[in-house]
């Protein structure tokens, strides 16, 4: 696992949900228009699709 340091305003701990051929992470509406970064912190489940 790599280690990264990111400066920002808020941190959320959310689950990734399947949507169509991809996946989504929901964030608050007030984040619309903001730049965000998503960091995967665990391996995907073996039965989660791909």
PDB file of N, CA and C in Angstrom:
ATOM      1  N   UNK A   1       0.851  -1.173   0.000  1.00  0.00           N
ATOM      2  CA  UNK A   1       0.000   0.000   0.000  1.00  0.00           C
ATOM      3  C   UNK A   1       0.897   1.237   0.000  1.00  0.00           C
ATOM      4  N   UNK A   2       0.549   2.206  -0.835  1.00  0.00           N
ATOM      5  CA  UNK A   2       1.270   3.478  -0.879  1.00  0.00           C
ATOM      6  C   UNK A   2       0.738   4.408   0.198  1.00  0.00           C
ATOM      7  N   UNK A   3       1.546   5.385   0.538  1.00  0.00           N
ATOM      8  CA  UNK A   3       1.119   6.396   1.502  1.00  0.00           C
ATOM      9  C   UNK A   3       1.083   7.738   0.785  1.00  0.00           C
ATOM     10  N   UNK A   4      -0.024   8.472   0.930  1.00  0.00           N
ATOM     11  CA  UNK A   4      -0.208   9.764   0.280  1.00  0.00           C
ATOM     12  C   UNK A   4      -0.639  10.790   1.314  1.00  0.00           C
ATOM     13  N   UNK A   5      -0.175  11.996   1.151  1.00  0.00           N
ATOM     14  CA  UNK A   5      -0.604  13.091   2.016  1.00  0.00           C
ATOM     15  C   UNK A   5      -1.375  14.079   1.139  1.00  0.00           C
ATOM     16  N   UNK A   6      -2.609  14.368   1.553  1.00  0.00           N
ATOM     17  CA  UNK A   6      -3.489  15.248   0.781  1.00  0.00           C
ATOM     18  C   UNK A   6      -4.016  16.331   1.706  1.00  0.00           C
ATOM     19  N   UNK A   7      -3.898  17.576   1.286  1.00  0.00           N
ATOM     20  CA  UNK A   7      -4.497  18.675   2.041  1.00  0.00           C
ATOM     21  C   UNK A   7      -5.889  18.930   1.509  1.00  0.00           C
ATOM     22  N   UNK A   8      -6.843  19.165   2.404  1.00  0.00           N
ATOM     23  CA  UNK A   8      -8.203  19.404   1.959  1.00  0.00           C
ATOM     24  C   UNK A   8      -9.057  20.000   3.054  1.00  0.00           C
ATOM     25  N   UNK A   9     -10.359  20.050   2.784  1.00  0.00           N
ATOM     26  CA  UNK A   9     -11.309  20.690   3.680  1.00  0.00           C
ATOM     27  C   UNK A   9     -12.131  19.701   4.484  1.00  0.00           C
ATOM     28  N   UNK A  10     -12.472  18.553   3.909  1.00  0.00           N
ATOM     29  CA  UNK A  10     -13.307  17.560   4.584  1.00  0.00           C
ATOM     30  C   UNK A  10     -12.885  16.164   4.150  1.00  0.00           C
ATOM     31  N   UNK A  11     -13.142  15.193   5.003  1.00  0.00           N
ATOM     32  CA  UNK A  11     -12.917  13.788   4.672  1.00  0.00           C
ATOM     33  C   UNK A  11     -14.211  13.032   4.936  1.00  0.00           C
ATOM     34  N   UNK A  12     -14.621  12.206   3.976  1.00  0.00           N
ATOM     35  CA  UNK A  12     -15.792  11.355   4.137  1.00  0.00           C
ATOM     36  C   UNK A  12     -15.356   9.906   4.052  1.00  0.00           C
ATOM     37  N   UNK A  13     -16.030   9.042   4.782  1.00  0.00           N
ATOM     38  CA  UNK A  13     -15.800   7.608   4.705  1.00  0.00           C
ATOM     39  C   UNK A  13     -17.068   7.003   4.128  1.00  0.00           C
ATOM     40  N   UNK A  14     -17.025   6.594   2.873  1.00  0.00           N
ATOM     41  CA  UNK A  14     -18.225   6.126   2.177  1.00  0.00           C
ATOM     42  C   UNK A  14     -17.977   4.792   1.507  1.00  0.00           C
ATOM     43  N   UNK A  15     -19.067   4.077   1.189  1.00  0.00           N
ATOM     44  CA  UNK A  15     -19.000   2.828   0.438  1.00  0.00           C
ATOM     45  C   UNK A  15     -19.212   3.128  -1.036  1.00  0.00           C
ATOM     46  N   UNK A  16     -18.565   2.351  -1.888  1.00  0.00           N
ATOM     47  CA  UNK A  16     -18.746   2.457  -3.336  1.00  0.00           C
ATOM     48  C   UNK A  16     -19.890   1.529  -3.714  1.00  0.00           C
ATOM     49  N   UNK A  17     -20.867   2.059  -4.471  1.00  0.00           N
ATOM     50  CA  UNK A  17     -22.053   1.297  -4.856  1.00  0.00           C
ATOM     51  C   UNK A  17     -22.063   1.074  -6.362  1.00  0.00           C
ATOM     52  N   UNK A  18     -22.480  -0.118  -6.814  1.00  0.00           N
ATOM     53  CA  UNK A  18     -22.561  -0.373  -8.252  1.00  0.00           C
ATOM     54  C   UNK A  18     -23.678   0.440  -8.897  1.00  0.00           C
ATOM     55  N   UNK A  19     -23.385   0.986 -10.084  1.00  0.00           N
ATOM     56  CA  UNK A  19     -24.373   1.731 -10.867  1.00  0.00           C
ATOM     57  C   UNK A  19     -24.083   1.451 -12.334  1.00  0.00           C
ATOM     58  N   UNK A  20     -24.993   0.761 -13.024  1.00  0.00           N
ATOM     59  CA  UNK A  20     -24.786   0.436 -14.436  1.00  0.00           C
ATOM     60  C   UNK A  20     -23.492  -0.333 -14.638  1.00  0.00           C
ATOM     61  N   UNK A  21     -22.625   0.171 -15.532  1.00  0.00           N
ATOM     62  CA  UNK A  21     -21.338  -0.476 -15.806  1.00  0.00           C
ATOM     63  C   UNK A  21     -20.213   0.092 -14.955  1.00  0.00           C
ATOM     64  N   UNK A  22     -20.543   0.905 -13.986  1.00  0.00           N
ATOM     65  CA  UNK A  22     -19.521   1.532 -13.148  1.00  0.00           C
ATOM     66  C   UNK A  22     -19.906   1.496 -11.689  1.00  0.00           C
ATOM     67  N   UNK A  23     -19.412   2.482 -10.956  1.00  0.00           N
ATOM     68  CA  UNK A  23     -19.711   2.575  -9.529  1.00  0.00           C
ATOM     69  C   UNK A  23     -19.721   4.040  -9.125  1.00  0.00           C
ATOM     70  N   UNK A  24     -20.408   4.360  -8.045  1.00  0.00           N
ATOM     71  CA  UNK A  24     -20.526   5.731  -7.558  1.00  0.00           C
ATOM     72  C   UNK A  24     -20.221   5.815  -6.075  1.00  0.00           C
ATOM     73  N   UNK A  25     -19.741   6.969  -5.682  1.00  0.00           N
ATOM     74  CA  UNK A  25     -19.609   7.337  -4.277  1.00  0.00           C
ATOM     75  C   UNK A  25     -20.394   8.623  -4.118  1.00  0.00           C
ATOM     76  N   UNK A  26     -21.403   8.622  -3.272  1.00  0.00           N
ATOM     77  CA  UNK A  26     -22.223   9.816  -3.084  1.00  0.00           C
ATOM     78  C   UNK A  26     -21.545  10.769  -2.107  1.00  0.00           C
ATOM     79  N   UNK A  27     -21.571  12.043  -2.474  1.00  0.00           N
ATOM     80  CA  UNK A  27     -21.027  13.100  -1.621  1.00  0.00           C
ATOM     81  C   UNK A  27     -22.109  14.154  -1.423  1.00  0.00           C
ATOM     82  N   UNK A  28     -21.952  15.052  -0.462  1.00  0.00           N
ATOM     83  CA  UNK A  28     -22.972  16.070  -0.219  1.00  0.00           C
ATOM     84  C   UNK A  28     -23.177  16.999  -1.420  1.00  0.00           C
ATOM     85  N   UNK A  29     -24.400  17.477  -1.605  1.00  0.00           N
ATOM     86  CA  UNK A  29     -24.719  18.394  -2.707  1.00  0.00           C
ATOM     87  C   UNK A  29     -23.876  19.655  -2.672  1.00  0.00           C
ATOM     88  N   UNK A  30     -23.506  20.088  -1.467  1.00  0.00           N
ATOM     89  CA  UNK A  30     -22.715  21.320  -1.366  1.00  0.00           C
ATOM     90  C   UNK A  30     -21.335  21.163  -2.018  1.00  0.00           C
ATOM     91  N   UNK A  31     -20.933  19.931  -2.360  1.00  0.00           N
ATOM     92  CA  UNK A  31     -19.653  19.688  -3.024  1.00  0.00           C
ATOM     93  C   UNK A  31     -19.740  19.877  -4.536  1.00  0.00           C
ATOM     94  N   UNK A  32     -20.933  20.094  -5.081  1.00  0.00           N
ATOM     95  CA  UNK A  32     -21.076  20.258  -6.530  1.00  0.00           C
ATOM     96  C   UNK A  32     -20.183  21.396  -6.998  1.00  0.00           C
ATOM     97  N   UNK A  33     -19.391  21.129  -8.023  1.00  0.00           N
ATOM     98  CA  UNK A  33     -18.479  22.118  -8.578  1.00  0.00           C
ATOM     99  C   UNK A  33     -17.098  22.121  -7.933  1.00  0.00           C
ATOM    100  N   UNK A  34     -16.918  21.367  -6.851  1.00  0.00           N
ATOM    101  CA  UNK A  34     -15.620  21.315  -6.167  1.00  0.00           C
ATOM    102  C   UNK A  34     -14.720  20.271  -6.825  1.00  0.00           C
ATOM    103  N   UNK A  35     -13.413  20.432  -6.702  1.00  0.00           N
ATOM    104  CA  UNK A  35     -12.455  19.413  -7.110  1.00  0.00           C
ATOM    105  C   UNK A  35     -12.322  18.425  -5.965  1.00  0.00           C
ATOM    106  N   UNK A  36     -12.383  17.132  -6.274  1.00  0.00           N
ATOM    107  CA  UNK A  36     -12.273  16.105  -5.240  1.00  0.00           C
ATOM    108  C   UNK A  36     -11.265  15.046  -5.682  1.00  0.00           C
ATOM    109  N   UNK A  37     -10.777  14.273  -4.732  1.00  0.00           N
ATOM    110  CA  UNK A  37      -9.911  13.129  -4.996  1.00  0.00           C
ATOM    111  C   UNK A  37     -10.525  11.925  -4.296  1.00  0.00           C
ATOM    112  N   UNK A  38     -10.442  10.774  -4.935  1.00  0.00           N
ATOM    113  CA  UNK A  38     -10.949   9.536  -4.356  1.00  0.00           C
ATOM    114  C   UNK A  38      -9.759   8.602  -4.184  1.00  0.00           C
ATOM    115  N   UNK A  39      -9.585   8.067  -2.979  1.00  0.00           N
ATOM    116  CA  UNK A  39      -8.469   7.165  -2.682  1.00  0.00           C
ATOM    117  C   UNK A  39      -9.039   5.825  -2.235  1.00  0.00           C
ATOM    118  N   UNK A  40      -8.669   4.749  -2.938  1.00  0.00           N
ATOM    119  CA  UNK A  40      -9.099   3.408  -2.542  1.00  0.00           C
ATOM    120  C   UNK A  40      -8.183   2.926  -1.426  1.00  0.00           C
ATOM    121  N   UNK A  41      -8.765   2.527  -0.293  1.00  0.00           N
ATOM    122  CA  UNK A  41      -7.957   2.139   0.856  1.00  0.00           C
ATOM    123  C   UNK A  41      -8.028   0.654   1.177  1.00  0.00           C
ATOM    124  N   UNK A  42      -8.735  -0.137   0.344  1.00  0.00           N
ATOM    125  CA  UNK A  42      -8.774  -1.580   0.526  1.00  0.00           C
ATOM    126  C   UNK A  42      -8.920  -2.244  -0.843  1.00  0.00           C
ATOM    127  N   UNK A  43      -8.644  -3.531  -0.893  1.00  0.00           N
ATOM    128  CA  UNK A  43      -8.836  -4.293  -2.118  1.00  0.00           C
ATOM    129  C   UNK A  43     -10.324  -4.511  -2.320  1.00  0.00           C
ATOM    130  N   UNK A  44     -10.796  -4.522  -3.586  1.00  0.00           N
ATOM    131  CA  UNK A  44     -12.205  -4.813  -3.838  1.00  0.00           C
ATOM    132  C   UNK A  44     -12.533  -6.246  -3.430  1.00  0.00           C
ATOM    133  N   UNK A  45     -13.808  -6.490  -3.075  1.00  0.00           N
ATOM    134  CA  UNK A  45     -14.251  -7.849  -2.770  1.00  0.00           C
ATOM    135  C   UNK A  45     -14.152  -8.698  -4.029  1.00  0.00           C
ATOM    136  N   UNK A  46     -13.782  -9.955  -3.880  1.00  0.00           N
ATOM    137  CA  UNK A  46     -13.640 -10.863  -5.031  1.00  0.00           C
ATOM    138  C   UNK A  46     -14.958 -11.059  -5.766  1.00  0.00           C
ATOM    139  N   UNK A  47     -16.089 -10.964  -5.074  1.00  0.00           N
ATOM    140  CA  UNK A  47     -17.401 -11.200  -5.690  1.00  0.00           C
ATOM    141  C   UNK A  47     -18.110  -9.908  -6.091  1.00  0.00           C
ATOM    142  N   UNK A  48     -17.378  -8.796  -6.178  1.00  0.00           N
ATOM    143  CA  UNK A  48     -18.027  -7.502  -6.452  1.00  0.00           C
ATOM    144  C   UNK A  48     -18.166  -7.184  -7.937  1.00  0.00           C
ATOM    145  N   UNK A  49     -17.850  -8.097  -8.820  1.00  0.00           N
ATOM    146  CA  UNK A  49     -18.052  -7.812 -10.240  1.00  0.00           C
ATOM    147  C   UNK A  49     -16.821  -8.083 -11.070  1.00  0.00           C
ATOM    148  N   UNK A  50     -15.860  -7.172 -11.070  1.00  0.00           N
ATOM    149  CA  UNK A  50     -14.696  -7.323 -11.949  1.00  0.00           C
ATOM    150  C   UNK A  50     -13.570  -8.024 -11.287  1.00  0.00           C
TER     151      UNK A  50
END
